[in-house]
Amino acid sequence: MLFLALDAYFHMVQLLEQVNAQVAELFTIDVMSKNENTDSSSGLEDADDSNLYFSPEHGNVVFASAMDGWGFT
């Protein structure tokens, strides 16, 4: 049973990493497109992305199963 729990944990960690990578890419594209007509700086150094990423520690991730009727943060 412990093996299944660890496997599920690592799967969820990988999924969150993939989602956060996509969020970072979209954020980068957005910042760069807003700054393309300004100076040579991309603007990424000054952009605040601290509230964009999903993390259970920040309380912005919900684990749930509609089929089984459970959920938790």
C-alpha atoms as a PDB file:
ATOM      1  CA  MET A   1       0.000   0.000   0.000  1.00  0.00           C
ATOM      2  CA  LEU A   2       2.882   2.361   0.756  1.00  0.00           C
ATOM      3  CA  PHE A   3       4.237   1.781  -2.752  1.00  0.00           C
ATOM      4  CA  LEU A   4       0.917   2.883  -4.285  1.00  0.00           C
ATOM      5  CA  ALA A   5       0.835   6.007  -2.132  1.00  0.00           C
ATOM      6  CA  LEU A   6       4.393   6.945  -3.107  1.00  0.00           C
ATOM      7  CA  ASP A   7       3.657   6.254  -6.760  1.00  0.00           C
ATOM      8  CA  ALA A   8       0.579   8.506  -6.595  1.00  0.00           C
ATOM      9  CA  TYR A   9       2.588  11.211  -4.811  1.00  0.00           C
ATOM     10  CA  PHE A  10       5.353  11.220  -7.430  1.00  0.00           C
ATOM     11  CA  HIS A  11       2.795  11.244 -10.240  1.00  0.00           C
ATOM     12  CA  MET A  12       1.077  14.318  -8.738  1.00  0.00           C
ATOM     13  CA  VAL A  13       4.437  16.073  -8.221  1.00  0.00           C
ATOM     14  CA  GLN A  14       5.336  15.481 -11.872  1.00  0.00           C
ATOM     15  CA  LEU A  15       1.934  16.708 -13.009  1.00  0.00           C
ATOM     16  CA  LEU A  16       2.263  19.920 -10.977  1.00  0.00           C
ATOM     17  CA  GLU A  17       5.786  20.468 -12.367  1.00  0.00           C
ATOM     18  CA  GLN A  18       4.473  20.102 -15.919  1.00  0.00           C
ATOM     19  CA  VAL A  19       1.599  22.511 -15.298  1.00  0.00           C
ATOM     20  CA  ASN A  20       3.941  25.032 -13.671  1.00  0.00           C
ATOM     21  CA  ALA A  21       6.343  24.760 -16.612  1.00  0.00           C
ATOM     22  CA  GLN A  22       3.489  25.625 -18.981  1.00  0.00           C
ATOM     23  CA  VAL A  23       2.430  28.533 -16.759  1.00  0.00           C
ATOM     24  CA  ALA A  24       6.037  29.825 -16.756  1.00  0.00           C
ATOM     25  CA  GLU A  25       6.214  29.601 -20.540  1.00  0.00           C
ATOM     26  CA  LEU A  26       2.945  31.519 -20.976  1.00  0.00           C
ATOM     27  CA  PHE A  27       4.095  34.128 -18.449  1.00  0.00           C
ATOM     28  CA  THR A  28       7.397  34.581 -20.289  1.00  0.00           C
ATOM     29  CA  ILE A  29       5.650  34.977 -23.629  1.00  0.00           C
ATOM     30  CA  ASP A  30       3.251  37.525 -22.138  1.00  0.00           C
ATOM     31  CA  VAL A  31       5.993  39.621 -20.520  1.00  0.00           C
ATOM     32  CA  MET A  32       8.206  39.534 -23.596  1.00  0.00           C
ATOM     33  CA  SER A  33       5.354  40.511 -25.934  1.00  0.00           C
ATOM     34  CA  LYS A  34       4.539  43.514 -23.743  1.00  0.00           C
ATOM     35  CA  ASN A  35       8.183  44.641 -23.788  1.00  0.00           C
ATOM     36  CA  GLU A  36       9.095  43.951 -27.415  1.00  0.00           C
ATOM     37  CA  ASN A  37       8.900  47.615 -28.399  1.00  0.00           C
ATOM     38  CA  THR A  38      10.931  48.891 -25.443  1.00  0.00           C
ATOM     39  CA  ASP A  39      14.648  48.635 -24.722  1.00  0.00           C
ATOM     40  CA  SER A  40      16.731  45.478 -25.118  1.00  0.00           C
ATOM     41  CA  SER A  41      15.749  44.176 -21.648  1.00  0.00           C
ATOM     42  CA  SER A  42      13.089  41.483 -21.722  1.00  0.00           C
ATOM     43  CA  GLY A  43      11.448  42.727 -18.512  1.00  0.00           C
ATOM     44  CA  LEU A  44      11.511  39.289 -16.910  1.00  0.00           C
ATOM     45  CA  GLU A  45      13.822  40.479 -14.133  1.00  0.00           C
ATOM     46  CA  ASP A  46      11.223  42.982 -12.931  1.00  0.00           C
ATOM     47  CA  ALA A  47       8.130  40.838 -13.477  1.00  0.00           C
ATOM     48  CA  ASP A  48       6.517  39.289 -10.391  1.00  0.00           C
ATOM     49  CA  ASP A  49       5.532  35.672 -10.959  1.00  0.00           C
ATOM     50  CA  SER A  50       5.383  34.623  -7.298  1.00  0.00           C
ATOM     51  CA  ASN A  51       1.610  34.118  -7.294  1.00  0.00           C
ATOM     52  CA  LEU A  52       1.367  32.154 -10.545  1.00  0.00           C
ATOM     53  CA  TYR A  53       2.573  28.683  -9.622  1.00  0.00           C
ATOM     54  CA  PHE A  54       0.546  25.827  -8.193  1.00  0.00           C
ATOM     55  CA  SER A  55       1.747  24.277  -4.949  1.00  0.00           C
ATOM     56  CA  PRO A  56      -0.094  22.389  -2.187  1.00  0.00           C
ATOM     57  CA  GLU A  57       1.948  24.391   0.329  1.00  0.00           C
ATOM     58  CA  HIS A  58       0.337  27.592  -0.953  1.00  0.00           C
ATOM     59  CA  GLY A  59      -3.157  26.111  -0.691  1.00  0.00           C
ATOM     60  CA  ASN A  60      -3.959  26.588  -4.380  1.00  0.00           C
ATOM     61  CA  VAL A  61      -4.185  22.903  -5.329  1.00  0.00           C
ATOM     62  CA  VAL A  62      -7.201  20.669  -4.765  1.00  0.00           C
ATOM     63  CA  PHE A  63      -7.034  16.891  -5.026  1.00  0.00           C
ATOM     64  CA  ALA A  64     -10.450  15.391  -5.711  1.00  0.00           C
ATOM     65  CA  SER A  65     -12.405  12.545  -7.218  1.00  0.00           C
ATOM     66  CA  ALA A  66     -15.938  13.263  -8.389  1.00  0.00           C
ATOM     67  CA  MET A  67     -16.476   9.569  -9.046  1.00  0.00           C
ATOM     68  CA  ASP A  68     -15.538   8.544  -5.499  1.00  0.00           C
ATOM     69  CA  GLY A  69     -16.871  11.697  -3.814  1.00  0.00           C
ATOM     70  CA  TRP A  70     -13.781  12.945  -1.986  1.00  0.00           C
ATOM     71  CA  GLY A  71     -11.528  15.969  -2.070  1.00  0.00           C
ATOM     72  CA  PHE A  72      -8.877  17.742  -0.011  1.00  0.00           C
ATOM     73  CA  THR A  73      -6.442  20.641  -0.225  1.00  0.00           C
END
